[in-house]
Amino acid sequence: MNRRKWLWTALLAAPLAVAGVIYGNSQSASYICPLTGEELPCPKCCPLNASQEQDQAQSFICPITGEELPCEKCCPLN
C-alpha cells in the first residue's frame, strides 16, 4: 500500500516539476540591446532606450556603482 502511494505521488509530481521548470525559463526572458548586443534584464537598461526615457521620478541609484539608472534591474547587484 505504501509503495502505491509513493508511485502515485511521483506520477503526479513529475508534470508539476516540468511545468515549474518551463515557467521559470519563460520568466527569465531577457532583452538584447541593439546598440551594444548585450543580453540585458529589461529594455530600459539599454543605453539607446535609457536616453529616450529619462524620467527622474522613476530613477534608481545603484548601491554598488552609485549611478542613476532607469530601473533597479539595471544595477549589477540584481
N, C-alpha and C. Protein backbone atom coordinates (compact mmCIF):
# COMPACT_ATOMS: atom_id res chain seq x y z
N MET A 1 0.82 -1.20 0.00
CA MET A 1 0.00 0.00 0.00
C MET A 1 0.87 1.26 0.00
N ASN A 2 1.94 1.21 0.76
CA ASN A 2 2.81 2.38 0.86
C ASN A 2 3.52 2.66 -0.46
N ARG A 3 3.93 1.59 -1.16
CA ARG A 3 4.59 1.77 -2.46
C ARG A 3 3.65 2.38 -3.48
N ARG A 4 2.40 2.01 -3.41
CA ARG A 4 1.41 2.52 -4.35
C ARG A 4 1.22 4.04 -4.15
N LYS A 5 1.21 4.47 -2.91
CA LYS A 5 1.09 5.91 -2.62
C LYS A 5 2.29 6.68 -3.18
N TRP A 6 3.49 6.13 -2.99
CA TRP A 6 4.70 6.80 -3.50
C TRP A 6 4.69 6.85 -5.02
N LEU A 7 4.21 5.78 -5.65
CA LEU A 7 4.14 5.75 -7.10
C LEU A 7 3.18 6.83 -7.61
N TRP A 8 2.01 6.93 -7.02
CA TRP A 8 1.04 7.95 -7.45
C TRP A 8 1.56 9.36 -7.16
N THR A 9 2.24 9.53 -6.05
CA THR A 9 2.82 10.83 -5.72
C THR A 9 3.86 11.23 -6.76
N ALA A 10 4.71 10.29 -7.13
CA ALA A 10 5.74 10.57 -8.13
C ALA A 10 5.12 10.87 -9.49
N LEU A 11 4.09 10.12 -9.86
CA LEU A 11 3.44 10.35 -11.16
C LEU A 11 2.73 11.69 -11.22
N LEU A 12 2.20 12.15 -10.11
CA LEU A 12 1.53 13.45 -10.07
C LEU A 12 2.51 14.61 -9.94
N ALA A 13 3.64 14.38 -9.28
CA ALA A 13 4.61 15.44 -9.06
C ALA A 13 5.47 15.72 -10.29
N ALA A 14 5.69 14.73 -11.13
CA ALA A 14 6.55 14.90 -12.29
C ALA A 14 6.03 15.98 -13.25
N PRO A 15 4.75 15.99 -13.63
CA PRO A 15 4.28 17.07 -14.52
C PRO A 15 4.35 18.44 -13.86
N LEU A 16 4.14 18.51 -12.57
CA LEU A 16 4.25 19.80 -11.87
C LEU A 16 5.68 20.31 -11.89
N ALA A 17 6.64 19.42 -11.72
CA ALA A 17 8.04 19.83 -11.77
C ALA A 17 8.43 20.32 -13.16
N VAL A 18 7.96 19.62 -14.18
CA VAL A 18 8.26 20.04 -15.56
C VAL A 18 7.62 21.39 -15.85
N ALA A 19 6.39 21.57 -15.40
CA ALA A 19 5.71 22.85 -15.61
C ALA A 19 6.44 23.98 -14.89
N GLY A 20 6.96 23.70 -13.70
CA GLY A 20 7.71 24.71 -12.96
C GLY A 20 8.98 25.12 -13.67
N VAL A 21 9.69 24.16 -14.25
CA VAL A 21 10.92 24.45 -15.00
C VAL A 21 10.60 25.27 -16.24
N ILE A 22 9.55 24.91 -16.95
CA ILE A 22 9.16 25.65 -18.16
C ILE A 22 8.74 27.06 -17.79
N TYR A 23 7.97 27.22 -16.72
CA TYR A 23 7.55 28.55 -16.28
C TYR A 23 8.75 29.38 -15.85
N GLY A 24 9.68 28.77 -15.14
CA GLY A 24 10.87 29.50 -14.70
C GLY A 24 11.72 29.98 -15.86
N ASN A 25 11.86 29.16 -16.90
CA ASN A 25 12.63 29.57 -18.07
C ASN A 25 11.94 30.67 -18.84
N SER A 26 10.63 30.68 -18.87
CA SER A 26 9.92 31.73 -19.60
C SER A 26 9.99 33.06 -18.86
N GLN A 27 10.13 33.02 -17.53
CA GLN A 27 10.21 34.24 -16.75
C GLN A 27 11.60 34.88 -16.80
N SER A 28 12.60 34.13 -17.19
CA SER A 28 13.95 34.67 -17.23
C SER A 28 14.29 35.23 -18.61
N ALA A 29 13.27 35.58 -19.37
CA ALA A 29 13.49 36.15 -20.70
C ALA A 29 14.24 37.48 -20.55
N SER A 30 15.17 37.71 -21.42
CA SER A 30 15.96 38.93 -21.34
C SER A 30 15.82 39.72 -22.63
N TYR A 31 16.46 40.85 -22.67
CA TYR A 31 16.38 41.77 -23.79
C TYR A 31 17.78 41.91 -24.39
N ILE A 32 17.89 41.82 -25.70
CA ILE A 32 19.16 42.02 -26.39
C ILE A 32 19.20 43.48 -26.87
N CYS A 33 20.17 44.22 -26.38
CA CYS A 33 20.29 45.63 -26.75
C CYS A 33 20.82 45.72 -28.18
N PRO A 34 20.12 46.43 -29.07
CA PRO A 34 20.60 46.55 -30.45
C PRO A 34 21.86 47.40 -30.58
N LEU A 35 22.12 48.25 -29.60
CA LEU A 35 23.28 49.13 -29.65
C LEU A 35 24.56 48.40 -29.25
N THR A 36 24.51 47.67 -28.13
CA THR A 36 25.71 47.01 -27.62
C THR A 36 25.74 45.51 -27.90
N GLY A 37 24.57 44.90 -28.16
CA GLY A 37 24.50 43.47 -28.39
C GLY A 37 24.50 42.66 -27.11
N GLU A 38 24.44 43.32 -25.96
CA GLU A 38 24.45 42.63 -24.67
C GLU A 38 23.07 42.07 -24.34
N GLU A 39 23.05 41.03 -23.54
CA GLU A 39 21.80 40.50 -23.02
C GLU A 39 21.51 41.21 -21.70
N LEU A 40 20.42 41.96 -21.67
CA LEU A 40 20.08 42.79 -20.53
C LEU A 40 18.77 42.33 -19.91
N PRO A 41 18.54 42.63 -18.62
CA PRO A 41 17.31 42.16 -17.97
C PRO A 41 16.04 42.87 -18.43
N CYS A 42 16.14 44.10 -18.94
CA CYS A 42 14.95 44.80 -19.42
C CYS A 42 15.35 45.82 -20.49
N PRO A 43 14.41 46.29 -21.29
CA PRO A 43 14.73 47.26 -22.36
C PRO A 43 15.24 48.59 -21.83
N LYS A 44 14.86 48.96 -20.61
CA LYS A 44 15.31 50.24 -20.05
C LYS A 44 16.81 50.26 -19.77
N CYS A 45 17.43 49.09 -19.63
CA CYS A 45 18.86 49.01 -19.32
C CYS A 45 19.74 49.31 -20.53
N CYS A 46 19.18 49.27 -21.72
CA CYS A 46 19.95 49.55 -22.93
C CYS A 46 20.21 51.06 -23.01
N PRO A 47 21.45 51.48 -23.31
CA PRO A 47 21.74 52.90 -23.40
C PRO A 47 20.90 53.62 -24.45
N LEU A 48 20.50 52.92 -25.49
CA LEU A 48 19.67 53.51 -26.52
C LEU A 48 18.30 53.89 -25.98
N ASN A 49 17.70 53.02 -25.18
CA ASN A 49 16.39 53.29 -24.62
C ASN A 49 16.45 54.15 -23.37
N ALA A 50 17.52 54.05 -22.61
CA ALA A 50 17.64 54.80 -21.37
C ALA A 50 17.71 56.30 -21.64
N SER A 51 18.36 56.69 -22.73
CA SER A 51 18.45 58.12 -23.02
C SER A 51 17.12 58.68 -23.49
N GLN A 52 16.29 57.84 -24.08
CA GLN A 52 14.98 58.29 -24.56
C GLN A 52 13.96 58.37 -23.44
N GLU A 53 14.14 57.60 -22.39
CA GLU A 53 13.16 57.52 -21.33
C GLU A 53 13.68 58.14 -20.03
N GLN A 54 14.30 59.28 -20.09
CA GLN A 54 14.80 59.93 -18.88
C GLN A 54 13.62 60.43 -18.06
N ASP A 55 13.33 59.74 -16.99
CA ASP A 55 12.25 60.09 -16.10
C ASP A 55 12.83 60.12 -14.68
N GLN A 56 13.10 61.30 -14.18
CA GLN A 56 13.77 61.45 -12.89
C GLN A 56 12.94 60.90 -11.74
N ALA A 57 11.62 60.87 -11.87
CA ALA A 57 10.78 60.39 -10.78
C ALA A 57 10.92 58.88 -10.58
N GLN A 58 11.29 58.16 -11.62
CA GLN A 58 11.39 56.71 -11.51
C GLN A 58 12.83 56.22 -11.64
N SER A 59 13.79 57.06 -11.39
CA SER A 59 15.18 56.63 -11.49
C SER A 59 15.57 55.84 -10.24
N PHE A 60 16.66 55.10 -10.33
CA PHE A 60 17.13 54.22 -9.26
C PHE A 60 18.62 54.45 -9.08
N ILE A 61 19.08 54.63 -7.87
CA ILE A 61 20.50 54.79 -7.57
C ILE A 61 21.05 53.41 -7.20
N CYS A 62 22.01 52.95 -7.97
CA CYS A 62 22.62 51.64 -7.73
C CYS A 62 23.55 51.74 -6.50
N PRO A 63 23.38 50.87 -5.50
CA PRO A 63 24.24 50.94 -4.32
C PRO A 63 25.68 50.52 -4.59
N ILE A 64 25.94 49.81 -5.67
CA ILE A 64 27.30 49.36 -5.97
C ILE A 64 28.08 50.44 -6.71
N THR A 65 27.52 50.94 -7.80
CA THR A 65 28.25 51.90 -8.63
C THR A 65 27.91 53.35 -8.32
N GLY A 66 26.77 53.59 -7.67
CA GLY A 66 26.35 54.96 -7.37
C GLY A 66 25.74 55.67 -8.57
N GLU A 67 25.56 54.97 -9.68
CA GLU A 67 24.99 55.57 -10.88
C GLU A 67 23.47 55.71 -10.74
N GLU A 68 22.92 56.67 -11.45
CA GLU A 68 21.48 56.81 -11.54
C GLU A 68 21.01 56.00 -12.75
N LEU A 69 20.22 54.98 -12.51
CA LEU A 69 19.80 54.05 -13.54
C LEU A 69 18.29 54.14 -13.76
N PRO A 70 17.81 53.73 -14.92
CA PRO A 70 16.37 53.82 -15.20
C PRO A 70 15.51 52.86 -14.40
N CYS A 71 16.06 51.73 -13.97
CA CYS A 71 15.29 50.79 -13.15
C CYS A 71 16.25 49.98 -12.27
N GLU A 72 15.70 49.30 -11.27
CA GLU A 72 16.56 48.54 -10.35
C GLU A 72 17.16 47.29 -10.97
N LYS A 73 16.59 46.79 -12.05
CA LYS A 73 17.15 45.61 -12.73
C LYS A 73 18.45 45.93 -13.46
N CYS A 74 18.71 47.19 -13.73
CA CYS A 74 19.91 47.59 -14.47
C CYS A 74 21.17 47.58 -13.59
N CYS A 75 20.99 47.51 -12.29
CA CYS A 75 22.12 47.52 -11.36
C CYS A 75 22.84 46.17 -11.41
N PRO A 76 24.17 46.14 -11.38
CA PRO A 76 24.90 44.87 -11.40
C PRO A 76 24.58 43.98 -10.19
N LEU A 77 24.08 44.57 -9.12
CA LEU A 77 23.72 43.80 -7.93
C LEU A 77 22.56 42.87 -8.24
N ASN A 78 21.68 43.30 -9.10
CA ASN A 78 20.50 42.48 -9.43
C ASN A 78 20.81 41.67 -10.65
